[in-house]
Amino acid sequence: MSTTLDCTVPSEPRVARGRDHQRVHLVLMLALTFSTGVIDAVGYLGLDRVFSANMTGNVVMLGMALLGGENLPVARLALALVGFVVGALVAGRVLRRAAPGWSTRTTVLLGIDSAAVLVLSLVLLRFGVHPADPAGSAITSGLAVAMGIQAATARFLAVQDVTTVVLTSTLTALAADSWPGGNAGLWYRRAAVIGLLLLGAAAGAGLLKWHITSALLLAAVIVGAVAVVGHRVARS
């Protein structure tokens, strides 16, 4: 009997810590969702109608461009798709042998993500990019690589219903089976994902009126903060 008690009691703090970490991961992924909205506003409104994170929209626009759509940036759409895939591929390789949950590799990947967005924002600040300039393709593609890294990292952390870059499945789940009274926790989570992506896009559009760099700097700071907080919580 005493042996059983000795085995079960120490596990309770670990379970509590695990739940606390899950809550923190949820908050951090929601923060990344907000930053995604900011970055997509920059890509679409500031860099010639190309999303850096929403690959569904890019694929649809690319299909329209290939078969009759006019004035759509085919090259930039294709480069953004390639960049996103490259970023996700690299992150997937890095995380392939990582332990479940937050790890040093997770922190490093999000740190690279933040640094990439920061560097691109500084390039824009130094040189400036008109939507018609070829340099715009490089900026969009670079942001897409960063978003691919973020998406793969979020997928690895596996916070339910929070991919940070995809909204359609979350909206479907919200409408299909998450009404209040059923599972309020999931309902609020899914609603928060939609709301934060919306607010992030609005914030990005607003900051573009001031300067395109300010929007990217905000996104870089958010991603960097997520990396730091996630790493400190994991070590605790």
Foldseek 3Di string as FASTA:
>chain_A
DVVVVVVPPVCVVVVVLVVVLLVLLLVLLLLLLLLQLLQQLCCCVVQPHEGLQQLVVLVVLLVCVVPPDPRHDNVLSVLSVVLLVQLLVVLCVQCVPPDQADDVSLLVLLLVLLVLLLVLLVVCVVPNDHNVDPVSSVSSSSNSSSNSSQQNSLVRNCNPLRSSRDQPVLVVCLVPQADPPRPVVSNVSSVSSVVSSVNSNVVNNVCVVVPNSVSSNVSSVSSNVSSVVSVVSVVD
